[in-house]
Amino acid sequence: MAGRGSTTFQKRQKEQQRKEKRAEKLARRQGRKQNPPPPGISDSEPVDAVVDGENVAGSETNAATEAGAGPAPE
């Protein structure tokens, strides 16, 4: 990439990442079309996220800890 400024290089990297992300999404969509989820499971239902072994979404214990109730975080 000789002769190009660092800004141009950064823009090119971002565009490459966008293209890769688009391709990944397309592949996921096609995979879902070919293998639809079983009945009773929908994409609109919230799914609790697990980060480092802890349930971070929709957890009553997490909400209580954030509100100041319960044991102190380690």
N, C-alpha and C. Protein backbone atom coordinates (compact mmCIF):
# COMPACT_ATOMS: atom_id res chain seq x y z
N MET A 1 0.82 -1.18 0.00
CA MET A 1 0.00 0.00 0.00
C MET A 1 0.87 1.25 0.00
N ALA A 2 1.96 1.20 -0.64
CA ALA A 2 2.87 2.34 -0.70
C ALA A 2 2.20 3.51 -1.41
N GLY A 3 2.45 4.70 -0.90
CA GLY A 3 1.93 5.89 -1.53
C GLY A 3 0.56 6.31 -1.03
N ARG A 4 -0.04 5.54 -0.14
CA ARG A 4 -1.34 5.90 0.41
C ARG A 4 -1.17 6.36 1.84
N GLY A 5 -1.97 7.30 2.24
CA GLY A 5 -1.92 7.80 3.61
C GLY A 5 -2.53 6.83 4.59
N SER A 6 -2.26 7.07 5.87
CA SER A 6 -2.79 6.16 6.91
C SER A 6 -4.31 6.23 6.98
N THR A 7 -4.88 7.41 6.71
CA THR A 7 -6.34 7.54 6.75
C THR A 7 -6.97 6.65 5.69
N THR A 8 -6.41 6.65 4.50
CA THR A 8 -6.93 5.82 3.41
C THR A 8 -6.85 4.35 3.79
N PHE A 9 -5.73 3.96 4.41
CA PHE A 9 -5.55 2.57 4.82
C PHE A 9 -6.59 2.18 5.86
N GLN A 10 -6.85 3.08 6.83
CA GLN A 10 -7.84 2.80 7.86
C GLN A 10 -9.23 2.67 7.26
N LYS A 11 -9.55 3.54 6.32
CA LYS A 11 -10.85 3.46 5.65
C LYS A 11 -10.99 2.13 4.90
N ARG A 12 -9.92 1.72 4.26
CA ARG A 12 -9.94 0.46 3.52
C ARG A 12 -10.15 -0.71 4.47
N GLN A 13 -9.48 -0.68 5.63
CA GLN A 13 -9.66 -1.74 6.62
C GLN A 13 -11.11 -1.81 7.10
N LYS A 14 -11.70 -0.65 7.38
CA LYS A 14 -13.10 -0.61 7.83
C LYS A 14 -14.03 -1.17 6.77
N GLU A 15 -13.80 -0.78 5.52
CA GLU A 15 -14.64 -1.28 4.44
C GLU A 15 -14.51 -2.78 4.29
N GLN A 16 -13.30 -3.32 4.45
CA GLN A 16 -13.09 -4.77 4.38
C GLN A 16 -13.87 -5.46 5.49
N GLN A 17 -13.84 -4.88 6.70
CA GLN A 17 -14.58 -5.46 7.82
C GLN A 17 -16.08 -5.45 7.54
N ARG A 18 -16.58 -4.36 6.96
CA ARG A 18 -18.00 -4.28 6.61
C ARG A 18 -18.37 -5.36 5.61
N LYS A 19 -17.53 -5.54 4.60
CA LYS A 19 -17.79 -6.57 3.59
C LYS A 19 -17.82 -7.96 4.21
N GLU A 20 -16.86 -8.23 5.10
CA GLU A 20 -16.81 -9.54 5.76
C GLU A 20 -18.06 -9.76 6.61
N LYS A 21 -18.48 -8.72 7.33
CA LYS A 21 -19.65 -8.84 8.18
C LYS A 21 -20.90 -9.09 7.34
N ARG A 22 -21.01 -8.38 6.20
CA ARG A 22 -22.14 -8.60 5.29
C ARG A 22 -22.17 -10.02 4.78
N ALA A 23 -20.99 -10.54 4.42
CA ALA A 23 -20.90 -11.91 3.90
C ALA A 23 -21.29 -12.92 4.98
N GLU A 24 -20.87 -12.68 6.24
CA GLU A 24 -21.22 -13.57 7.34
C GLU A 24 -22.73 -13.57 7.58
N LYS A 25 -23.33 -12.37 7.56
CA LYS A 25 -24.77 -12.27 7.75
C LYS A 25 -25.52 -13.00 6.65
N LEU A 26 -25.06 -12.83 5.42
CA LEU A 26 -25.71 -13.50 4.28
C LEU A 26 -25.63 -15.02 4.46
N ALA A 27 -24.47 -15.50 4.88
CA ALA A 27 -24.31 -16.94 5.08
C ALA A 27 -25.25 -17.44 6.18
N ARG A 28 -25.39 -16.66 7.27
CA ARG A 28 -26.30 -17.05 8.34
C ARG A 28 -27.74 -17.09 7.85
N ARG A 29 -28.13 -16.06 7.08
CA ARG A 29 -29.50 -16.02 6.54
C ARG A 29 -29.78 -17.22 5.66
N GLN A 30 -28.83 -17.54 4.79
CA GLN A 30 -29.02 -18.68 3.90
C GLN A 30 -29.09 -19.98 4.70
N GLY A 31 -28.28 -20.08 5.75
CA GLY A 31 -28.32 -21.26 6.60
C GLY A 31 -29.66 -21.42 7.30
N ARG A 32 -30.23 -20.29 7.74
CA ARG A 32 -31.55 -20.34 8.39
C ARG A 32 -32.64 -20.70 7.39
N LYS A 33 -32.48 -20.25 6.15
CA LYS A 33 -33.47 -20.59 5.12
C LYS A 33 -33.46 -22.09 4.85
N GLN A 34 -32.26 -22.67 4.78
CA GLN A 34 -32.13 -24.09 4.48
C GLN A 34 -32.49 -24.95 5.69
N ASN A 35 -32.18 -24.48 6.89
CA ASN A 35 -32.44 -25.24 8.12
C ASN A 35 -33.23 -24.36 9.09
N PRO A 36 -34.54 -24.22 8.89
CA PRO A 36 -35.33 -23.37 9.79
C PRO A 36 -35.34 -23.95 11.20
N PRO A 37 -35.48 -23.07 12.21
CA PRO A 37 -35.51 -23.57 13.60
C PRO A 37 -36.77 -24.38 13.85
N PRO A 38 -36.72 -25.28 14.81
CA PRO A 38 -37.90 -26.11 15.11
C PRO A 38 -39.07 -25.23 15.58
N PRO A 39 -40.30 -25.70 15.42
CA PRO A 39 -41.46 -24.92 15.86
C PRO A 39 -41.38 -24.63 17.35
N GLY A 40 -41.85 -23.45 17.73
CA GLY A 40 -41.82 -23.08 19.14
C GLY A 40 -40.64 -22.21 19.49
N ILE A 41 -39.65 -22.14 18.62
CA ILE A 41 -38.49 -21.29 18.86
C ILE A 41 -38.52 -20.19 17.82
N SER A 42 -38.54 -18.94 18.29
CA SER A 42 -38.56 -17.83 17.35
C SER A 42 -37.40 -16.89 17.63
N ASP A 43 -37.04 -16.10 16.63
CA ASP A 43 -35.96 -15.14 16.79
C ASP A 43 -36.40 -13.94 17.62
N SER A 44 -37.71 -13.73 17.77
CA SER A 44 -38.20 -12.57 18.49
C SER A 44 -38.19 -12.76 20.00
N GLU A 45 -38.08 -14.01 20.47
CA GLU A 45 -38.03 -14.26 21.90
C GLU A 45 -36.67 -13.87 22.46
N PRO A 46 -36.65 -13.16 23.60
CA PRO A 46 -35.36 -12.77 24.17
C PRO A 46 -34.60 -13.99 24.68
N VAL A 47 -33.31 -13.95 24.50
CA VAL A 47 -32.44 -15.02 24.95
C VAL A 47 -31.47 -14.42 25.95
N ASP A 48 -31.39 -15.03 27.13
CA ASP A 48 -30.47 -14.51 28.14
C ASP A 48 -29.04 -14.70 27.68
N ALA A 49 -28.25 -13.65 27.82
CA ALA A 49 -26.84 -13.71 27.43
C ALA A 49 -26.02 -14.22 28.61
N VAL A 50 -25.02 -15.00 28.31
CA VAL A 50 -24.12 -15.51 29.33
C VAL A 50 -22.73 -14.99 29.03
N VAL A 51 -22.16 -14.26 30.00
CA VAL A 51 -20.83 -13.70 29.84
C VAL A 51 -19.98 -14.20 31.00
N ASP A 52 -18.89 -14.84 30.70
CA ASP A 52 -17.98 -15.38 31.71
C ASP A 52 -18.73 -16.24 32.74
N GLY A 53 -19.67 -17.04 32.25
CA GLY A 53 -20.38 -17.95 33.12
C GLY A 53 -21.47 -17.30 33.95
N GLU A 54 -21.72 -15.98 33.76
CA GLU A 54 -22.76 -15.30 34.50
C GLU A 54 -23.89 -14.91 33.57
N ASN A 55 -25.10 -15.09 34.05
CA ASN A 55 -26.28 -14.70 33.28
C ASN A 55 -26.42 -13.19 33.43
N VAL A 56 -26.34 -12.44 32.33
CA VAL A 56 -26.34 -10.98 32.42
C VAL A 56 -27.65 -10.34 31.96
N ALA A 57 -28.55 -11.07 31.34
CA ALA A 57 -29.79 -10.49 30.86
C ALA A 57 -30.98 -11.23 31.45
N GLY A 58 -31.89 -10.50 32.06
CA GLY A 58 -33.10 -11.10 32.57
C GLY A 58 -32.91 -11.91 33.84
N SER A 59 -31.83 -11.69 34.53
CA SER A 59 -31.57 -12.44 35.74
C SER A 59 -32.05 -11.66 36.95
N GLU A 60 -32.85 -12.30 37.82
CA GLU A 60 -33.34 -11.63 39.01
C GLU A 60 -32.19 -11.35 39.97
N THR A 61 -31.26 -12.27 40.09
CA THR A 61 -30.14 -12.06 41.01
C THR A 61 -29.25 -10.93 40.52
N ASN A 62 -29.06 -10.82 39.22
CA ASN A 62 -28.26 -9.74 38.66
C ASN A 62 -28.95 -8.41 38.90
N ALA A 63 -30.27 -8.33 38.73
CA ALA A 63 -31.02 -7.10 38.94
C ALA A 63 -30.96 -6.71 40.41
N ALA A 64 -31.06 -7.70 41.32
CA ALA A 64 -30.98 -7.40 42.75
C ALA A 64 -29.60 -6.90 43.12
N THR A 65 -28.57 -7.45 42.56
CA THR A 65 -27.21 -7.01 42.85
C THR A 65 -27.00 -5.58 42.36
N GLU A 66 -27.52 -5.26 41.19
CA GLU A 66 -27.39 -3.91 40.66
C GLU A 66 -28.14 -2.91 41.51
N ALA A 67 -29.26 -3.32 42.12
CA ALA A 67 -30.07 -2.43 42.93
C ALA A 67 -29.47 -2.24 44.32
N GLY A 68 -28.45 -2.97 44.65
CA GLY A 68 -27.80 -2.82 45.94
C GLY A 68 -28.21 -3.88 46.94
N ALA A 69 -29.12 -4.75 46.60
CA ALA A 69 -29.54 -5.82 47.49
C ALA A 69 -28.68 -7.04 47.22
N GLY A 70 -28.51 -7.83 48.23
CA GLY A 70 -27.76 -9.06 48.03
C GLY A 70 -26.28 -8.89 48.35
N PRO A 71 -25.51 -9.94 48.10
CA PRO A 71 -24.08 -9.90 48.44
C PRO A 71 -23.32 -8.93 47.55
N ALA A 72 -22.23 -8.43 48.08
CA ALA A 72 -21.38 -7.51 47.33
C ALA A 72 -20.65 -8.28 46.24
N PRO A 73 -20.47 -7.65 45.04
CA PRO A 73 -19.75 -8.34 43.97
C PRO A 73 -18.29 -8.52 44.34
N GLU A 74 -17.71 -9.57 43.85
CA GLU A 74 -16.30 -9.88 44.16
C GLU A 74 -15.37 -9.03 43.36
